[in-house]
Amino acid sequence: MQKEAKILGLIGMAMKAGHVASGGFAVEKMIQSGRAAAVFVAGDASENTKKQFRTKCEFYEIPFAVISDKETLGHAIGKEERSSVALDDEGFANAIFKHLKSSGGNDIEN
């Protein structure tokens, strides 16, 4: 749980710094524009949503992970439930994946 709190804290800091897109349309737009450094999808998102973003991330060669749940992910960025978030900052993305890998990660793909 402590590792998850650290990861969500980093996502929150990235949001405050203006490096986060949230929600399906905004995340998809960031992926397709080539600005996304990492994409995170909530564990309780639909299988279709997970598959859609996993496929897009594989195609665009963007690191992808399934983390936490929609409510917690949304809360981390100061919003209501969010199924997906994308970061456009390599530093934040690398720090988050470092913590995910050290904790065994939920569903990390690169």
C-alpha atoms as a PDB file:
ATOM      1  CA  MET A   1       0.000   0.000   0.000  1.00  0.00           C
ATOM      2  CA  GLN A   2       2.831   2.410   0.790  1.00  0.00           C
ATOM      3  CA  LYS A   3       4.297   1.942  -2.704  1.00  0.00           C
ATOM      4  CA  GLU A   4       0.876   2.620  -4.238  1.00  0.00           C
ATOM      5  CA  ALA A   5       0.594   5.824  -2.208  1.00  0.00           C
ATOM      6  CA  LYS A   6       4.006   6.924  -3.494  1.00  0.00           C
ATOM      7  CA  ILE A   7       2.995   6.184  -7.100  1.00  0.00           C
ATOM      8  CA  LEU A   8      -0.303   8.026  -6.750  1.00  0.00           C
ATOM      9  CA  GLY A   9       1.526  10.914  -5.094  1.00  0.00           C
ATOM     10  CA  LEU A  10       3.852  11.170  -8.090  1.00  0.00           C
ATOM     11  CA  ILE A  11       0.860  11.193 -10.442  1.00  0.00           C
ATOM     12  CA  GLY A  12      -0.669  13.964  -8.299  1.00  0.00           C
ATOM     13  CA  MET A  13       2.550  15.997  -8.486  1.00  0.00           C
ATOM     14  CA  ALA A  14       2.634  15.527 -12.251  1.00  0.00           C
ATOM     15  CA  MET A  15      -0.959  16.809 -12.394  1.00  0.00           C
ATOM     16  CA  LYS A  16      -0.058  19.918 -10.398  1.00  0.00           C
ATOM     17  CA  ALA A  17       2.870  20.498 -12.749  1.00  0.00           C
ATOM     18  CA  GLY A  18       0.534  20.277 -15.758  1.00  0.00           C
ATOM     19  CA  HIS A  19       1.852  17.012 -17.172  1.00  0.00           C
ATOM     20  CA  VAL A  20      -1.275  14.835 -16.960  1.00  0.00           C
ATOM     21  CA  ALA A  21      -4.164  14.157 -19.319  1.00  0.00           C
ATOM     22  CA  SER A  22      -7.103  12.242 -17.866  1.00  0.00           C
ATOM     23  CA  GLY A  23     -10.157  10.588 -19.324  1.00  0.00           C
ATOM     24  CA  GLY A  24     -10.378   8.439 -22.424  1.00  0.00           C
ATOM     25  CA  PHE A  25     -10.493  11.143 -25.091  1.00  0.00           C
ATOM     26  CA  ALA A  26      -7.684  13.290 -23.640  1.00  0.00           C
ATOM     27  CA  VAL A  27      -5.428  10.283 -23.032  1.00  0.00           C
ATOM     28  CA  GLU A  28      -6.029   8.950 -26.546  1.00  0.00           C
ATOM     29  CA  LYS A  29      -5.244  12.377 -28.002  1.00  0.00           C
ATOM     30  CA  MET A  30      -1.968  12.584 -26.033  1.00  0.00           C
ATOM     31  CA  ILE A  31      -0.971   9.096 -27.197  1.00  0.00           C
ATOM     32  CA  GLN A  32      -1.687   9.819 -30.848  1.00  0.00           C
ATOM     33  CA  SER A  33       0.102  13.179 -30.738  1.00  0.00           C
ATOM     34  CA  GLY A  34       3.256  11.425 -29.572  1.00  0.00           C
ATOM     35  CA  ARG A  35       3.453  13.443 -26.338  1.00  0.00           C
ATOM     36  CA  ALA A  36       2.607  10.610 -23.918  1.00  0.00           C
ATOM     37  CA  ALA A  37       5.525   9.305 -21.859  1.00  0.00           C
ATOM     38  CA  ALA A  38       3.386   6.753 -19.980  1.00  0.00           C
ATOM     39  CA  VAL A  39      -0.221   5.612 -19.700  1.00  0.00           C
ATOM     40  CA  PHE A  40      -1.926   4.232 -16.600  1.00  0.00           C
ATOM     41  CA  VAL A  41      -5.319   2.529 -16.555  1.00  0.00           C
ATOM     42  CA  ALA A  42      -7.325   1.723 -13.435  1.00  0.00           C
ATOM     43  CA  GLY A  43      -7.536  -1.939 -12.481  1.00  0.00           C
ATOM     44  CA  ASP A  44     -11.321  -1.801 -12.286  1.00  0.00           C
ATOM     45  CA  ALA A  45     -11.711  -0.234 -15.746  1.00  0.00           C
ATOM     46  CA  SER A  46     -13.527  -2.384 -18.279  1.00  0.00           C
ATOM     47  CA  GLU A  47     -11.543  -5.061 -20.086  1.00  0.00           C
ATOM     48  CA  ASN A  48     -12.317  -3.235 -23.328  1.00  0.00           C
ATOM     49  CA  THR A  49     -10.756  -0.014 -21.997  1.00  0.00           C
ATOM     50  CA  LYS A  50      -7.640  -1.846 -20.802  1.00  0.00           C
ATOM     51  CA  LYS A  51      -7.300  -3.635 -24.129  1.00  0.00           C
ATOM     52  CA  GLN A  52      -7.835  -0.421 -26.124  1.00  0.00           C
ATOM     53  CA  PHE A  53      -5.097   1.484 -24.289  1.00  0.00           C
ATOM     54  CA  ARG A  54      -2.747  -1.519 -24.113  1.00  0.00           C
ATOM     55  CA  THR A  55      -3.017  -1.896 -27.907  1.00  0.00           C
ATOM     56  CA  LYS A  56      -2.470   1.828 -28.568  1.00  0.00           C
ATOM     57  CA  CYS A  57       0.511   1.918 -26.238  1.00  0.00           C
ATOM     58  CA  GLU A  58       2.069  -1.113 -27.902  1.00  0.00           C
ATOM     59  CA  PHE A  59       1.597   0.481 -31.316  1.00  0.00           C
ATOM     60  CA  TYR A  60       3.074   3.845 -30.241  1.00  0.00           C
ATOM     61  CA  GLU A  61       5.707   2.157 -28.012  1.00  0.00           C
ATOM     62  CA  ILE A  62       4.575   3.910 -24.838  1.00  0.00           C
ATOM     63  CA  PRO A  63       5.033   2.332 -21.392  1.00  0.00           C
ATOM     64  CA  PHE A  64       1.693   1.123 -19.982  1.00  0.00           C
ATOM     65  CA  ALA A  65       0.575  -0.126 -16.581  1.00  0.00           C
ATOM     66  CA  VAL A  66      -2.634  -1.065 -14.818  1.00  0.00           C
ATOM     67  CA  ILE A  67      -2.735   0.487 -11.343  1.00  0.00           C
ATOM     68  CA  SER A  68      -5.104   1.018  -8.440  1.00  0.00           C
ATOM     69  CA  ASP A  69      -8.791   1.677  -9.133  1.00  0.00           C
ATOM     70  CA  LYS A  70     -10.848   4.426 -10.825  1.00  0.00           C
ATOM     71  CA  GLU A  71     -11.806   6.244  -7.637  1.00  0.00           C
ATOM     72  CA  THR A  72      -8.265   6.303  -6.232  1.00  0.00           C
ATOM     73  CA  LEU A  73      -6.733   7.263  -9.581  1.00  0.00           C
ATOM     74  CA  GLY A  74      -9.173  10.159  -9.946  1.00  0.00           C
ATOM     75  CA  HIS A  75      -8.605  11.261  -6.361  1.00  0.00           C
ATOM     76  CA  ALA A  76      -4.824  11.313  -6.949  1.00  0.00           C
ATOM     77  CA  ILE A  77      -5.276  14.003  -9.604  1.00  0.00           C
ATOM     78  CA  GLY A  78      -7.961  15.918  -7.724  1.00  0.00           C
ATOM     79  CA  LYS A  79     -10.865  14.795  -9.870  1.00  0.00           C
ATOM     80  CA  GLU A  80     -13.715  12.311  -9.780  1.00  0.00           C
ATOM     81  CA  GLU A  81     -13.263   8.732 -10.988  1.00  0.00           C
ATOM     82  CA  ARG A  82     -10.836   8.327 -13.885  1.00  0.00           C
ATOM     83  CA  SER A  83     -10.242   5.147 -15.861  1.00  0.00           C
ATOM     84  CA  SER A  84      -7.067   6.381 -17.507  1.00  0.00           C
ATOM     85  CA  VAL A  85      -4.338   8.976 -17.195  1.00  0.00           C
ATOM     86  CA  ALA A  86      -1.358   9.799 -19.382  1.00  0.00           C
ATOM     87  CA  LEU A  87       1.802  11.686 -18.439  1.00  0.00           C
ATOM     88  CA  ASP A  88       3.822  13.751 -20.886  1.00  0.00           C
ATOM     89  CA  ASP A  89       6.899  14.060 -18.659  1.00  0.00           C
ATOM     90  CA  GLU A  90       9.640  11.415 -18.875  1.00  0.00           C
ATOM     91  CA  GLY A  91      10.956  12.188 -15.384  1.00  0.00           C
ATOM     92  CA  PHE A  92       7.639  11.516 -13.658  1.00  0.00           C
ATOM     93  CA  ALA A  93       6.996   8.472 -15.855  1.00  0.00           C
ATOM     94  CA  ASN A  94      10.415   6.956 -15.087  1.00  0.00           C
ATOM     95  CA  ALA A  95      10.009   7.574 -11.344  1.00  0.00           C
ATOM     96  CA  ILE A  96       6.601   5.884 -11.330  1.00  0.00           C
ATOM     97  CA  PHE A  97       7.814   2.854 -13.281  1.00  0.00           C
ATOM     98  CA  LYS A  98      10.825   2.594 -10.967  1.00  0.00           C
ATOM     99  CA  HIS A  99       8.434   2.272  -8.009  1.00  0.00           C
ATOM    100  CA  LEU A 100       6.137  -0.099  -9.906  1.00  0.00           C
ATOM    101  CA  LYS A 101       9.015  -2.402 -10.803  1.00  0.00           C
ATOM    102  CA  SER A 102      10.421  -2.404  -7.272  1.00  0.00           C
ATOM    103  CA  SER A 103       7.017  -3.417  -5.896  1.00  0.00           C
ATOM    104  CA  GLY A 104       6.471  -6.138  -8.464  1.00  0.00           C
ATOM    105  CA  GLY A 105       4.080  -3.970 -10.478  1.00  0.00           C
ATOM    106  CA  ASN A 106       0.439  -4.749 -11.127  1.00  0.00           C
ATOM    107  CA  ASP A 107       0.501  -5.049 -14.898  1.00  0.00           C
ATOM    108  CA  ILE A 108       3.514  -3.280 -16.389  1.00  0.00           C
ATOM    109  CA  GLU A 109       4.181  -3.297 -20.090  1.00  0.00           C
ATOM    110  CA  ASN A 110       6.845  -1.460 -21.995  1.00  0.00           C
END
